[in-house]
Amino acid sequence: MRYSILLEDAEGVSYFEDRDVDLDLKTFAPPAAPFYASDAYDASRFVFLTLPAGWKGVPHRSPKRQLATVLSGTFRVQAGSGEVRDFTAGDLFWAEDVTGTGHASSAEGGEPVNLMVTQF
């Protein structure tokens, strides 16, 4: 399973990196047969968000380390490095740009973007 993570360099400029989730065969939900699962991550809360069609954000930092799961729509993120990525239903976007210049995001494609954001 692959996700994109937004990190910051020493100057506080955000940039994208692609990572794979490490999965091991585990007995996660006995008596169900084992299947592949990651290690657990501690989370403090989650929130559902809807960005209206055409919504454009200004550059900002992530309010907390957080993982966004795109439920529908096209969620565009521009890193401080200038790189732009589009995320669609099923994509995972992990943001750790909490101290630097941040990123800008928007709802593209003429439809709202629905997200579930888990904060760490």
C-alpha atoms as a PDB file:
ATOM      1  CA  MET A   1       0.000   0.000   0.000  1.00  0.00           C
ATOM      2  CA  ARG A   2       1.455   3.353  -1.043  1.00  0.00           C
ATOM      3  CA  TYR A   3       0.888   6.886   0.247  1.00  0.00           C
ATOM      4  CA  SER A   4       2.296  10.356  -0.366  1.00  0.00           C
ATOM      5  CA  ILE A   5       3.760  12.241   2.576  1.00  0.00           C
ATOM      6  CA  LEU A   6       4.393  15.986   2.736  1.00  0.00           C
ATOM      7  CA  LEU A   7       7.606  16.673   4.673  1.00  0.00           C
ATOM      8  CA  GLU A   8       9.706  19.792   5.342  1.00  0.00           C
ATOM      9  CA  ASP A   9      13.369  20.395   4.595  1.00  0.00           C
ATOM     10  CA  ALA A  10      15.793  22.235   6.926  1.00  0.00           C
ATOM     11  CA  GLU A  11      14.554  25.593   5.560  1.00  0.00           C
ATOM     12  CA  GLY A  12      10.907  24.703   6.266  1.00  0.00           C
ATOM     13  CA  VAL A  13       9.940  24.185   2.613  1.00  0.00           C
ATOM     14  CA  SER A  14       7.470  21.346   2.147  1.00  0.00           C
ATOM     15  CA  TYR A  15       8.048  18.592  -0.413  1.00  0.00           C
ATOM     16  CA  PHE A  16       6.435  15.286  -1.379  1.00  0.00           C
ATOM     17  CA  GLU A  17       7.857  11.814  -0.823  1.00  0.00           C
ATOM     18  CA  ASP A  18       6.242   8.473  -1.734  1.00  0.00           C
ATOM     19  CA  ARG A  19       6.296   5.713   0.856  1.00  0.00           C
ATOM     20  CA  ASP A  20       4.996   2.175   1.210  1.00  0.00           C
ATOM     21  CA  VAL A  21       3.210   0.901   4.297  1.00  0.00           C
ATOM     22  CA  ASP A  22       5.002  -2.104   5.796  1.00  0.00           C
ATOM     23  CA  LEU A  23       2.530  -4.973   6.149  1.00  0.00           C
ATOM     24  CA  ASP A  24       3.042  -8.249   7.989  1.00  0.00           C
ATOM     25  CA  LEU A  25       0.827 -11.333   8.163  1.00  0.00           C
ATOM     26  CA  LYS A  26      -1.016 -10.970  11.495  1.00  0.00           C
ATOM     27  CA  THR A  27      -3.928 -12.401  13.408  1.00  0.00           C
ATOM     28  CA  PHE A  28      -5.754  -9.085  13.615  1.00  0.00           C
ATOM     29  CA  ALA A  29      -9.391 -10.071  14.205  1.00  0.00           C
ATOM     30  CA  PRO A  30      -9.601 -13.584  15.628  1.00  0.00           C
ATOM     31  CA  PRO A  31     -11.145 -15.981  14.854  1.00  0.00           C
ATOM     32  CA  ALA A  32     -10.738 -14.635  11.284  1.00  0.00           C
ATOM     33  CA  ALA A  33      -7.788 -16.056   9.362  1.00  0.00           C
ATOM     34  CA  PRO A  34      -4.588 -13.974   9.439  1.00  0.00           C
ATOM     35  CA  PHE A  35      -4.179 -11.199   6.875  1.00  0.00           C
ATOM     36  CA  TYR A  36      -1.707  -8.420   6.169  1.00  0.00           C
ATOM     37  CA  ALA A  37      -1.754  -5.436   8.540  1.00  0.00           C
ATOM     38  CA  SER A  38       0.563  -2.587   9.470  1.00  0.00           C
ATOM     39  CA  ASP A  39       1.775  -1.665  12.919  1.00  0.00           C
ATOM     40  CA  ALA A  40      -0.724   0.467  14.849  1.00  0.00           C
ATOM     41  CA  TYR A  41      -0.468   4.264  14.912  1.00  0.00           C
ATOM     42  CA  ASP A  42      -1.790   6.245  17.867  1.00  0.00           C
ATOM     43  CA  ALA A  43      -4.331   8.857  16.763  1.00  0.00           C
ATOM     44  CA  SER A  44      -5.984  11.581  18.825  1.00  0.00           C
ATOM     45  CA  ARG A  45      -9.097  12.248  16.715  1.00  0.00           C
ATOM     46  CA  PHE A  46     -10.566  12.298  13.240  1.00  0.00           C
ATOM     47  CA  VAL A  47     -12.804  14.706  11.361  1.00  0.00           C
ATOM     48  CA  PHE A  48     -14.807  14.634   8.122  1.00  0.00           C
ATOM     49  CA  LEU A  49     -14.318  17.612   5.778  1.00  0.00           C
ATOM     50  CA  THR A  50     -16.095  18.799   2.631  1.00  0.00           C
ATOM     51  CA  LEU A  51     -14.371  21.352   0.414  1.00  0.00           C
ATOM     52  CA  PRO A  52     -16.987  22.978  -1.851  1.00  0.00           C
ATOM     53  CA  ALA A  53     -16.506  22.692  -5.619  1.00  0.00           C
ATOM     54  CA  GLY A  54     -13.969  25.303  -6.722  1.00  0.00           C
ATOM     55  CA  TRP A  55     -12.663  25.931  -3.171  1.00  0.00           C
ATOM     56  CA  LYS A  56      -9.136  27.386  -3.159  1.00  0.00           C
ATOM     57  CA  GLY A  57      -7.050  27.531   0.005  1.00  0.00           C
ATOM     58  CA  VAL A  58      -4.203  29.910   0.776  1.00  0.00           C
ATOM     59  CA  PRO A  59      -0.755  28.604   1.754  1.00  0.00           C
ATOM     60  CA  HIS A  60      -0.916  27.210   5.293  1.00  0.00           C
ATOM     61  CA  ARG A  61       0.756  24.698   7.593  1.00  0.00           C
ATOM     62  CA  SER A  62      -0.956  21.488   8.599  1.00  0.00           C
ATOM     63  CA  PRO A  63      -2.600  22.116  11.989  1.00  0.00           C
ATOM     64  CA  LYS A  64      -1.301  18.742  13.257  1.00  0.00           C
ATOM     65  CA  ARG A  65       0.454  15.696  11.834  1.00  0.00           C
ATOM     66  CA  GLN A  66      -2.440  14.142   9.961  1.00  0.00           C
ATOM     67  CA  LEU A  67      -3.489  11.578   7.390  1.00  0.00           C
ATOM     68  CA  ALA A  68      -6.194  12.528   4.886  1.00  0.00           C
ATOM     69  CA  THR A  69      -8.175   9.808   3.135  1.00  0.00           C
ATOM     70  CA  VAL A  70      -9.878  11.128   0.004  1.00  0.00           C
ATOM     71  CA  LEU A  71     -13.444   9.825  -0.135  1.00  0.00           C
ATOM     72  CA  SER A  72     -14.535  11.625  -3.324  1.00  0.00           C
ATOM     73  CA  GLY A  73     -13.540  14.446  -5.631  1.00  0.00           C
ATOM     74  CA  THR A  74     -10.096  15.670  -6.683  1.00  0.00           C
ATOM     75  CA  PHE A  75      -7.980  17.138  -3.875  1.00  0.00           C
ATOM     76  CA  ARG A  76      -5.041  19.145  -5.228  1.00  0.00           C
ATOM     77  CA  VAL A  77      -2.032  19.951  -3.028  1.00  0.00           C
ATOM     78  CA  GLN A  78       0.872  22.214  -3.949  1.00  0.00           C
ATOM     79  CA  ALA A  79       3.974  21.742  -1.800  1.00  0.00           C
ATOM     80  CA  GLY A  80       6.234  24.654  -0.931  1.00  0.00           C
ATOM     81  CA  SER A  81       8.714  23.168  -3.427  1.00  0.00           C
ATOM     82  CA  GLY A  82       6.186  23.952  -6.180  1.00  0.00           C
ATOM     83  CA  GLU A  83       5.304  20.315  -6.933  1.00  0.00           C
ATOM     84  CA  VAL A  84       1.567  19.750  -7.433  1.00  0.00           C
ATOM     85  CA  ARG A  85      -0.228  16.447  -6.873  1.00  0.00           C
ATOM     86  CA  ASP A  86      -3.868  15.461  -7.334  1.00  0.00           C
ATOM     87  CA  PHE A  87      -5.433  12.930  -4.966  1.00  0.00           C
ATOM     88  CA  THR A  88      -8.698  11.122  -5.751  1.00  0.00           C
ATOM     89  CA  ALA A  89     -10.984   8.593  -4.047  1.00  0.00           C
ATOM     90  CA  GLY A  90      -8.995   6.031  -2.097  1.00  0.00           C
ATOM     91  CA  ASP A  91      -5.750   8.033  -2.050  1.00  0.00           C
ATOM     92  CA  LEU A  92      -3.891   8.650   1.209  1.00  0.00           C
ATOM     93  CA  PHE A  93      -2.183  11.979   1.864  1.00  0.00           C
ATOM     94  CA  TRP A  94      -0.033  12.257   5.010  1.00  0.00           C
ATOM     95  CA  ALA A  95       0.881  15.822   6.052  1.00  0.00           C
ATOM     96  CA  GLU A  96       3.750  16.600   8.410  1.00  0.00           C
ATOM     97  CA  ASP A  97       4.419  20.207   7.346  1.00  0.00           C
ATOM     98  CA  VAL A  98       3.542  21.698  10.748  1.00  0.00           C
ATOM     99  CA  THR A  99       6.319  24.306  11.212  1.00  0.00           C
ATOM    100  CA  GLY A 100       7.519  25.642   7.851  1.00  0.00           C
ATOM    101  CA  THR A 101       5.960  27.501   4.944  1.00  0.00           C
ATOM    102  CA  GLY A 102       3.244  24.890   4.434  1.00  0.00           C
ATOM    103  CA  HIS A 103       1.252  24.039   1.334  1.00  0.00           C
ATOM    104  CA  ALA A 104      -1.836  25.172  -0.600  1.00  0.00           C
ATOM    105  CA  SER A 105      -4.798  22.939  -1.394  1.00  0.00           C
ATOM    106  CA  SER A 106      -7.919  23.119  -3.526  1.00  0.00           C
ATOM    107  CA  ALA A 107     -10.992  21.250  -4.759  1.00  0.00           C
ATOM    108  CA  GLU A 108     -10.600  20.596  -8.485  1.00  0.00           C
ATOM    109  CA  GLY A 109     -12.755  19.136 -11.248  1.00  0.00           C
ATOM    110  CA  GLY A 110     -15.957  21.062 -10.543  1.00  0.00           C
ATOM    111  CA  GLU A 111     -17.108  18.878  -7.661  1.00  0.00           C
ATOM    112  CA  PRO A 112     -16.740  18.949  -3.865  1.00  0.00           C
ATOM    113  CA  VAL A 113     -13.928  17.049  -2.156  1.00  0.00           C
ATOM    114  CA  ASN A 114     -14.857  14.803   0.768  1.00  0.00           C
ATOM    115  CA  LEU A 115     -12.076  13.838   3.156  1.00  0.00           C
ATOM    116  CA  MET A 116     -11.654  11.931   6.386  1.00  0.00           C
ATOM    117  CA  VAL A 117      -8.687  13.361   8.288  1.00  0.00           C
ATOM    118  CA  THR A 118      -7.068  11.426  11.138  1.00  0.00           C
ATOM    119  CA  GLN A 119      -4.892  13.567  13.425  1.00  0.00           C
ATOM    120  CA  PHE A 120      -1.930  12.246  15.411  1.00  0.00           C
END
